[in-house]
Amino acid sequence: MLPFEASTWLAILGQYNTAIWPLHGIGALLALVAMGLVVPGSRAAGRVIGLLLGVLWIWTGVAFFGGSLAPFHFASEWLAGVFVAQGLMLVFALTLMGQARFGWPGGLAGGGAVLMIVYALVGYPLLDLALTGTPWTQLQYVGVAPGPVMLLTLGLLLLVPSRPPLVLAIIPLLWALVTGYMAWGLGLPLEYFPAVLGVASFAVLVALRFRRKKRRLSG
């Protein structure tokens, strides 16, 4: 079971959002830049996308898990380390090694990517605001909160037409599962949506990876 109730979780988010304001705008800007860099489709653009995503994961790990959540959760330092590790992996694989080119893949991957990214940008905060009446200060925003960062990352990984790097989707998948557990444990039904989206996007990535591998072998 979780060591706090839903009201405490929302209070933690409120404290965090108040403390980092107005960095939400910078987080959203970095997310939008990463999305825009999908258009060129060059390896250089992919390197920058990796750097931007890495910064968002590292920030969330250090500031949210290592900072605001630390007094309330016994595993906060471990979670901070996991998020920082994910950020470093993104930088290493995409920025330093240049292992992915981004572009529009069309089909299921393209539609899934759009859904993931739109939910990360506006769905997360606006649905909570409209359906639960959660105050603006206690919402999760893209670029600075774990749920939207997870969805943004998986959405962008779906926009790798050639060979989606599955290893970079494992930690986002794990956080999607944690989100589902929190939805159940805290009684926050809206959290089931990002959890399902995260798991579904990983399944699509796996299917795309093996389908393209099969095509290469048969060709």
C-alpha atoms as a PDB file:
ATOM      1  CA  MET A   1       0.000   0.000   0.000  1.00  0.00           C
ATOM      2  CA  LEU A   2       1.041   3.601  -0.506  1.00  0.00           C
ATOM      3  CA  PRO A   3       2.283   5.500   2.552  1.00  0.00           C
ATOM      4  CA  PHE A   4      -0.159   8.381   2.021  1.00  0.00           C
ATOM      5  CA  GLU A   5      -3.676   9.180   0.828  1.00  0.00           C
ATOM      6  CA  ALA A   6      -4.887  10.983  -2.275  1.00  0.00           C
ATOM      7  CA  SER A   7      -5.144  14.302  -0.432  1.00  0.00           C
ATOM      8  CA  THR A   8      -1.486  14.050   0.572  1.00  0.00           C
ATOM      9  CA  TRP A   9      -0.432  13.243  -2.994  1.00  0.00           C
ATOM     10  CA  LEU A  10      -2.272  16.303  -4.279  1.00  0.00           C
ATOM     11  CA  ALA A  11      -0.750  18.418  -1.520  1.00  0.00           C
ATOM     12  CA  ILE A  12       2.719  17.208  -2.548  1.00  0.00           C
ATOM     13  CA  LEU A  13       2.011  18.217  -6.138  1.00  0.00           C
ATOM     14  CA  GLY A  14       0.743  21.583  -4.934  1.00  0.00           C
ATOM     15  CA  GLN A  15       3.848  22.207  -2.852  1.00  0.00           C
ATOM     16  CA  TYR A  16       6.074  21.165  -5.744  1.00  0.00           C
ATOM     17  CA  ASN A  17       4.280  23.318  -8.318  1.00  0.00           C
ATOM     18  CA  THR A  18       4.410  26.337  -6.044  1.00  0.00           C
ATOM     19  CA  ALA A  19       8.111  25.840  -5.361  1.00  0.00           C
ATOM     20  CA  ILE A  20       9.171  25.563  -9.008  1.00  0.00           C
ATOM     21  CA  TRP A  21       6.883  28.191 -10.534  1.00  0.00           C
ATOM     22  CA  PRO A  22       7.355  29.511 -13.272  1.00  0.00           C
ATOM     23  CA  LEU A  23       9.552  26.647 -14.517  1.00  0.00           C
ATOM     24  CA  HIS A  24       6.438  24.913 -15.854  1.00  0.00           C
ATOM     25  CA  GLY A  25       6.670  27.192 -18.873  1.00  0.00           C
ATOM     26  CA  ILE A  26      10.249  26.128 -19.546  1.00  0.00           C
ATOM     27  CA  GLY A  27       9.291  22.464 -19.241  1.00  0.00           C
ATOM     28  CA  ALA A  28       6.437  22.920 -21.700  1.00  0.00           C
ATOM     29  CA  LEU A  29       8.708  24.840 -24.075  1.00  0.00           C
ATOM     30  CA  LEU A  30      11.303  22.056 -24.053  1.00  0.00           C
ATOM     31  CA  ALA A  31       8.543  19.535 -24.763  1.00  0.00           C
ATOM     32  CA  LEU A  32       7.241  21.609 -27.687  1.00  0.00           C
ATOM     33  CA  VAL A  33      10.749  22.027 -29.110  1.00  0.00           C
ATOM     34  CA  ALA A  34      11.287  18.267 -28.908  1.00  0.00           C
ATOM     35  CA  MET A  35       8.024  17.731 -30.792  1.00  0.00           C
ATOM     36  CA  GLY A  36       8.970  20.299 -33.426  1.00  0.00           C
ATOM     37  CA  LEU A  37      12.319  18.627 -34.039  1.00  0.00           C
ATOM     38  CA  VAL A  38      10.508  15.520 -35.251  1.00  0.00           C
ATOM     39  CA  VAL A  39       9.732  17.386 -38.486  1.00  0.00           C
ATOM     40  CA  PRO A  40      13.317  17.685 -39.847  1.00  0.00           C
ATOM     41  CA  GLY A  41      13.855  13.967 -39.267  1.00  0.00           C
ATOM     42  CA  SER A  42      17.624  14.369 -39.211  1.00  0.00           C
ATOM     43  CA  ARG A  43      20.047  12.567 -36.923  1.00  0.00           C
ATOM     44  CA  ALA A  44      21.092  15.937 -35.488  1.00  0.00           C
ATOM     45  CA  ALA A  45      17.478  16.691 -34.571  1.00  0.00           C
ATOM     46  CA  GLY A  46      17.255  13.270 -32.928  1.00  0.00           C
ATOM     47  CA  ARG A  47      20.301  14.090 -30.833  1.00  0.00           C
ATOM     48  CA  VAL A  48      18.660  17.272 -29.558  1.00  0.00           C
ATOM     49  CA  ILE A  49      15.410  15.427 -28.808  1.00  0.00           C
ATOM     50  CA  GLY A  50      17.383  12.953 -26.707  1.00  0.00           C
ATOM     51  CA  LEU A  51      19.029  15.784 -24.806  1.00  0.00           C
ATOM     52  CA  LEU A  52      15.733  17.557 -24.124  1.00  0.00           C
ATOM     53  CA  LEU A  53      14.001  14.389 -22.932  1.00  0.00           C
ATOM     54  CA  GLY A  54      17.007  13.570 -20.786  1.00  0.00           C
ATOM     55  CA  VAL A  55      16.840  16.964 -19.108  1.00  0.00           C
ATOM     56  CA  LEU A  56      13.127  16.511 -18.336  1.00  0.00           C
ATOM     57  CA  TRP A  57      13.651  13.070 -16.778  1.00  0.00           C
ATOM     58  CA  ILE A  58      16.638  14.187 -14.730  1.00  0.00           C
ATOM     59  CA  TRP A  59      14.820  17.299 -13.521  1.00  0.00           C
ATOM     60  CA  THR A  60      11.768  15.289 -12.480  1.00  0.00           C
ATOM     61  CA  GLY A  61      13.941  12.768 -10.687  1.00  0.00           C
ATOM     62  CA  VAL A  62      15.970  15.325  -8.769  1.00  0.00           C
ATOM     63  CA  ALA A  63      13.369  18.020  -8.079  1.00  0.00           C
ATOM     64  CA  PHE A  64      10.170  16.018  -7.627  1.00  0.00           C
ATOM     65  CA  PHE A  65      11.231  12.622  -6.306  1.00  0.00           C
ATOM     66  CA  GLY A  66      14.441  13.732  -4.643  1.00  0.00           C
ATOM     67  CA  GLY A  67      12.899  16.950  -3.335  1.00  0.00           C
ATOM     68  CA  SER A  68       9.161  17.341  -2.811  1.00  0.00           C
ATOM     69  CA  LEU A  69       8.288  13.641  -2.444  1.00  0.00           C
ATOM     70  CA  ALA A  70      11.255  12.733  -0.228  1.00  0.00           C
ATOM     71  CA  PRO A  71       9.664  13.510   3.175  1.00  0.00           C
ATOM     72  CA  PHE A  72       6.580  11.434   2.341  1.00  0.00           C
ATOM     73  CA  HIS A  73       7.788   8.281   0.574  1.00  0.00           C
ATOM     74  CA  PHE A  74      10.405   5.794   1.744  1.00  0.00           C
ATOM     75  CA  ALA A  75      11.418   4.941  -1.839  1.00  0.00           C
ATOM     76  CA  SER A  76      11.738   8.511  -3.099  1.00  0.00           C
ATOM     77  CA  GLU A  77      15.533   8.387  -3.418  1.00  0.00           C
ATOM     78  CA  TRP A  78      15.312   5.134  -5.365  1.00  0.00           C
ATOM     79  CA  LEU A  79      12.664   6.603  -7.666  1.00  0.00           C
ATOM     80  CA  ALA A  80      14.808   9.692  -8.157  1.00  0.00           C
ATOM     81  CA  GLY A  81      17.712   7.473  -9.184  1.00  0.00           C
ATOM     82  CA  VAL A  82      15.553   5.561 -11.661  1.00  0.00           C
ATOM     83  CA  PHE A  83      14.353   8.776 -13.318  1.00  0.00           C
ATOM     84  CA  VAL A  84      17.885  10.169 -13.472  1.00  0.00           C
ATOM     85  CA  ALA A  85      19.088   6.878 -14.971  1.00  0.00           C
ATOM     86  CA  GLN A  86      16.394   7.099 -17.643  1.00  0.00           C
ATOM     87  CA  GLY A  87      17.473  10.637 -18.463  1.00  0.00           C
ATOM     88  CA  LEU A  88      21.102   9.576 -18.781  1.00  0.00           C
ATOM     89  CA  MET A  89      20.152   6.635 -21.008  1.00  0.00           C
ATOM     90  CA  LEU A  90      18.209   8.944 -23.311  1.00  0.00           C
ATOM     91  CA  VAL A  91      21.163  11.294 -23.585  1.00  0.00           C
ATOM     92  CA  PHE A  92      23.617   8.449 -24.162  1.00  0.00           C
ATOM     93  CA  ALA A  93      21.555   6.538 -26.727  1.00  0.00           C
ATOM     94  CA  LEU A  94      19.964   9.394 -28.650  1.00  0.00           C
ATOM     95  CA  THR A  95      22.363  12.312 -28.181  1.00  0.00           C
ATOM     96  CA  LEU A  96      25.818  10.775 -27.868  1.00  0.00           C
ATOM     97  CA  MET A  97      25.269   7.654 -29.981  1.00  0.00           C
ATOM     98  CA  GLY A  98      22.666   9.135 -32.337  1.00  0.00           C
ATOM     99  CA  GLN A  99      20.730   5.878 -32.458  1.00  0.00           C
ATOM    100  CA  ALA A 100      17.400   7.202 -33.735  1.00  0.00           C
ATOM    101  CA  ARG A 101      15.905   9.380 -36.427  1.00  0.00           C
ATOM    102  CA  PHE A 102      12.436  10.711 -35.739  1.00  0.00           C
ATOM    103  CA  GLY A 103       9.710  11.176 -38.314  1.00  0.00           C
ATOM    104  CA  TRP A 104       6.077  10.488 -39.121  1.00  0.00           C
ATOM    105  CA  PRO A 105       5.522   6.705 -39.282  1.00  0.00           C
ATOM    106  CA  GLY A 106       1.820   6.847 -40.084  1.00  0.00           C
ATOM    107  CA  GLY A 107      -0.604   4.102 -39.155  1.00  0.00           C
ATOM    108  CA  LEU A 108      -1.084   2.892 -35.604  1.00  0.00           C
ATOM    109  CA  ALA A 109       2.245   4.248 -34.403  1.00  0.00           C
ATOM    110  CA  GLY A 110       1.500   7.737 -35.693  1.00  0.00           C
ATOM    111  CA  GLY A 111      -2.002   7.820 -34.244  1.00  0.00           C
ATOM    112  CA  GLY A 112      -0.769   6.482 -30.928  1.00  0.00           C
ATOM    113  CA  ALA A 113       2.013   9.042 -30.804  1.00  0.00           C
ATOM    114  CA  VAL A 114      -0.420  11.911 -31.359  1.00  0.00           C
ATOM    115  CA  LEU A 115      -2.727  10.604 -28.627  1.00  0.00           C
ATOM    116  CA  MET A 116       0.132  10.189 -26.152  1.00  0.00           C
ATOM    117  CA  ILE A 117       1.622  13.612 -26.793  1.00  0.00           C
ATOM    118  CA  VAL A 118      -1.707  15.458 -26.734  1.00  0.00           C
ATOM    119  CA  TYR A 119      -2.635  13.769 -23.453  1.00  0.00           C
ATOM    120  CA  ALA A 120       0.757  14.669 -21.997  1.00  0.00           C
ATOM    121  CA  LEU A 121       0.427  18.312 -23.031  1.00  0.00           C
ATOM    122  CA  VAL A 122      -3.205  19.111 -22.299  1.00  0.00           C
ATOM    123  CA  GLY A 123      -5.127  15.977 -21.365  1.00  0.00           C
ATOM    124  CA  TYR A 124      -3.400  15.417 -18.054  1.00  0.00           C
ATOM    125  CA  PRO A 125      -4.133  18.826 -16.516  1.00  0.00           C
ATOM    126  CA  LEU A 126      -7.392  19.715 -18.269  1.00  0.00           C
ATOM    127  CA  LEU A 127      -9.213  16.439 -17.597  1.00  0.00           C
ATOM    128  CA  ASP A 128      -8.276  16.583 -13.919  1.00  0.00           C
ATOM    129  CA  LEU A 129      -9.408  20.190 -13.769  1.00  0.00           C
ATOM    130  CA  ALA A 130     -12.692  19.600 -15.602  1.00  0.00           C
ATOM    131  CA  LEU A 131     -13.736  16.246 -14.143  1.00  0.00           C
ATOM    132  CA  THR A 132     -12.426  16.357 -10.582  1.00  0.00           C
ATOM    133  CA  GLY A 133     -12.123  20.072  -9.871  1.00  0.00           C
ATOM    134  CA  THR A 134      -8.487  19.693  -8.819  1.00  0.00           C
ATOM    135  CA  PRO A 135      -6.934  23.159  -8.329  1.00  0.00           C
ATOM    136  CA  TRP A 136      -4.449  24.400 -10.928  1.00  0.00           C
ATOM    137  CA  THR A 137      -1.676  24.242  -8.363  1.00  0.00           C
ATOM    138  CA  GLN A 138      -2.164  20.490  -7.816  1.00  0.00           C
ATOM    139  CA  LEU A 139      -2.182  19.342 -11.440  1.00  0.00           C
ATOM    140  CA  GLN A 140       0.559  17.483 -13.313  1.00  0.00           C
ATOM    141  CA  TYR A 141       2.187  19.457 -16.130  1.00  0.00           C
ATOM    142  CA  VAL A 142       4.295  18.274 -19.031  1.00  0.00           C
ATOM    143  CA  GLY A 143       8.036  18.633 -18.581  1.00  0.00           C
ATOM    144  CA  VAL A 144       8.038  18.789 -14.795  1.00  0.00           C
ATOM    145  CA  ALA A 145       5.793  15.950 -13.532  1.00  0.00           C
ATOM    146  CA  PRO A 146       6.359  12.200 -13.907  1.00  0.00           C
ATOM    147  CA  GLY A 147       3.129  11.181 -15.659  1.00  0.00           C
ATOM    148  CA  PRO A 148       3.255  13.679 -18.526  1.00  0.00           C
ATOM    149  CA  VAL A 149       7.008  13.129 -18.978  1.00  0.00           C
ATOM    150  CA  MET A 150       6.387   9.387 -19.291  1.00  0.00           C
ATOM    151  CA  LEU A 151       3.664   9.885 -21.912  1.00  0.00           C
ATOM    152  CA  LEU A 152       5.682  12.443 -23.882  1.00  0.00           C
ATOM    153  CA  THR A 153       8.664  10.103 -24.035  1.00  0.00           C
ATOM    154  CA  LEU A 154       6.671   7.086 -25.179  1.00  0.00           C
ATOM    155  CA  GLY A 155       4.828   9.231 -27.707  1.00  0.00           C
ATOM    156  CA  LEU A 156       8.077  10.463 -29.219  1.00  0.00           C
ATOM    157  CA  LEU A 157       9.578   6.965 -29.277  1.00  0.00           C
ATOM    158  CA  LEU A 158       6.592   5.904 -31.382  1.00  0.00           C
ATOM    159  CA  LEU A 159       7.809   8.476 -33.920  1.00  0.00           C
ATOM    160  CA  VAL A 160      10.973   6.506 -34.684  1.00  0.00           C
ATOM    161  CA  PRO A 161       9.958   4.911 -38.009  1.00  0.00           C
ATOM    162  CA  SER A 162      12.913   2.602 -38.508  1.00  0.00           C
ATOM    163  CA  ARG A 163      13.720   0.774 -35.283  1.00  0.00           C
ATOM    164  CA  PRO A 164      12.162   1.997 -32.012  1.00  0.00           C
ATOM    165  CA  PRO A 165      14.707   1.673 -29.167  1.00  0.00           C
ATOM    166  CA  LEU A 166      12.819  -0.582 -26.756  1.00  0.00           C
ATOM    167  CA  VAL A 167      15.346  -0.278 -23.946  1.00  0.00           C
ATOM    168  CA  LEU A 168      14.464   3.408 -23.633  1.00  0.00           C
ATOM    169  CA  ALA A 169      10.797   2.517 -23.122  1.00  0.00           C
ATOM    170  CA  ILE A 170      11.245   0.089 -20.218  1.00  0.00           C
ATOM    171  CA  ILE A 171      11.387   2.645 -17.392  1.00  0.00           C
ATOM    172  CA  PRO A 172       8.467   4.651 -18.861  1.00  0.00           C
ATOM    173  CA  LEU A 173       6.521   1.367 -18.974  1.00  0.00           C
ATOM    174  CA  LEU A 174       7.339   0.719 -15.322  1.00  0.00           C
ATOM    175  CA  TRP A 175       6.115   4.186 -14.387  1.00  0.00           C
ATOM    176  CA  ALA A 176       2.905   3.555 -16.324  1.00  0.00           C
ATOM    177  CA  LEU A 177       2.388   0.457 -14.157  1.00  0.00           C
ATOM    178  CA  VAL A 178       3.118   2.489 -11.020  1.00  0.00           C
ATOM    179  CA  THR A 179       0.579   5.059 -12.204  1.00  0.00           C
ATOM    180  CA  GLY A 180      -2.035   2.332 -12.506  1.00  0.00           C
ATOM    181  CA  TYR A 181      -1.215   1.123  -9.006  1.00  0.00           C
ATOM    182  CA  MET A 182      -1.556   4.669  -7.686  1.00  0.00           C
ATOM    183  CA  ALA A 183      -4.909   5.024  -9.436  1.00  0.00           C
ATOM    184  CA  TRP A 184      -6.119   1.965  -7.536  1.00  0.00           C
ATOM    185  CA  GLY A 185      -4.380   2.651  -4.227  1.00  0.00           C
ATOM    186  CA  LEU A 186      -5.285   6.332  -3.984  1.00  0.00           C
ATOM    187  CA  GLY A 187      -8.709   6.136  -5.589  1.00  0.00           C
ATOM    188  CA  LEU A 188      -7.760   8.417  -8.494  1.00  0.00           C
ATOM    189  CA  PRO A 189      -9.619   6.897 -11.462  1.00  0.00           C
ATOM    190  CA  LEU A 190      -8.319   9.382 -14.024  1.00  0.00           C
ATOM    191  CA  GLU A 191      -4.812   8.014 -13.473  1.00  0.00           C
ATOM    192  CA  TYR A 192      -5.914   4.799 -15.161  1.00  0.00           C
ATOM    193  CA  PHE A 193      -5.950   6.608 -18.508  1.00  0.00           C
ATOM    194  CA  PRO A 194      -2.222   7.456 -18.663  1.00  0.00           C
ATOM    195  CA  ALA A 195      -1.433   4.032 -17.213  1.00  0.00           C
ATOM    196  CA  VAL A 196      -3.334   2.275 -20.003  1.00  0.00           C
ATOM    197  CA  LEU A 197      -1.862   4.594 -22.630  1.00  0.00           C
ATOM    198  CA  GLY A 198       1.648   3.889 -21.391  1.00  0.00           C
ATOM    199  CA  VAL A 199       1.234   0.116 -21.435  1.00  0.00           C
ATOM    200  CA  ALA A 200      -0.497   0.188 -24.826  1.00  0.00           C
ATOM    201  CA  SER A 201       2.232   2.332 -26.366  1.00  0.00           C
ATOM    202  CA  PHE A 202       4.901  -0.087 -25.145  1.00  0.00           C
ATOM    203  CA  ALA A 203       2.966  -2.959 -26.709  1.00  0.00           C
ATOM    204  CA  VAL A 204       2.856  -1.049 -30.006  1.00  0.00           C
ATOM    205  CA  LEU A 205       6.608  -0.404 -29.815  1.00  0.00           C
ATOM    206  CA  VAL A 206       7.265  -4.110 -29.276  1.00  0.00           C
ATOM    207  CA  ALA A 207       4.990  -5.063 -32.176  1.00  0.00           C
ATOM    208  CA  LEU A 208       6.654  -2.540 -34.491  1.00  0.00           C
ATOM    209  CA  ARG A 209      10.130  -3.667 -33.504  1.00  0.00           C
ATOM    210  CA  PHE A 210       9.480  -7.337 -34.231  1.00  0.00           C
ATOM    211  CA  ARG A 211       7.462  -6.661 -37.371  1.00  0.00           C
ATOM    212  CA  ARG A 212      10.294  -4.619 -38.854  1.00  0.00           C
ATOM    213  CA  LYS A 213      12.826  -7.227 -37.784  1.00  0.00           C
ATOM    214  CA  LYS A 214      10.764  -9.905 -39.522  1.00  0.00           C
ATOM    215  CA  ARG A 215      10.629  -7.801 -42.691  1.00  0.00           C
ATOM    216  CA  ARG A 216      14.424  -7.438 -42.703  1.00  0.00           C
ATOM    217  CA  LEU A 217      14.890 -11.189 -42.276  1.00  0.00           C
ATOM    218  CA  SER A 218      12.386 -12.045 -44.999  1.00  0.00           C
ATOM    219  CA  GLY A 219      13.836  -9.430 -47.335  1.00  0.00           C
END
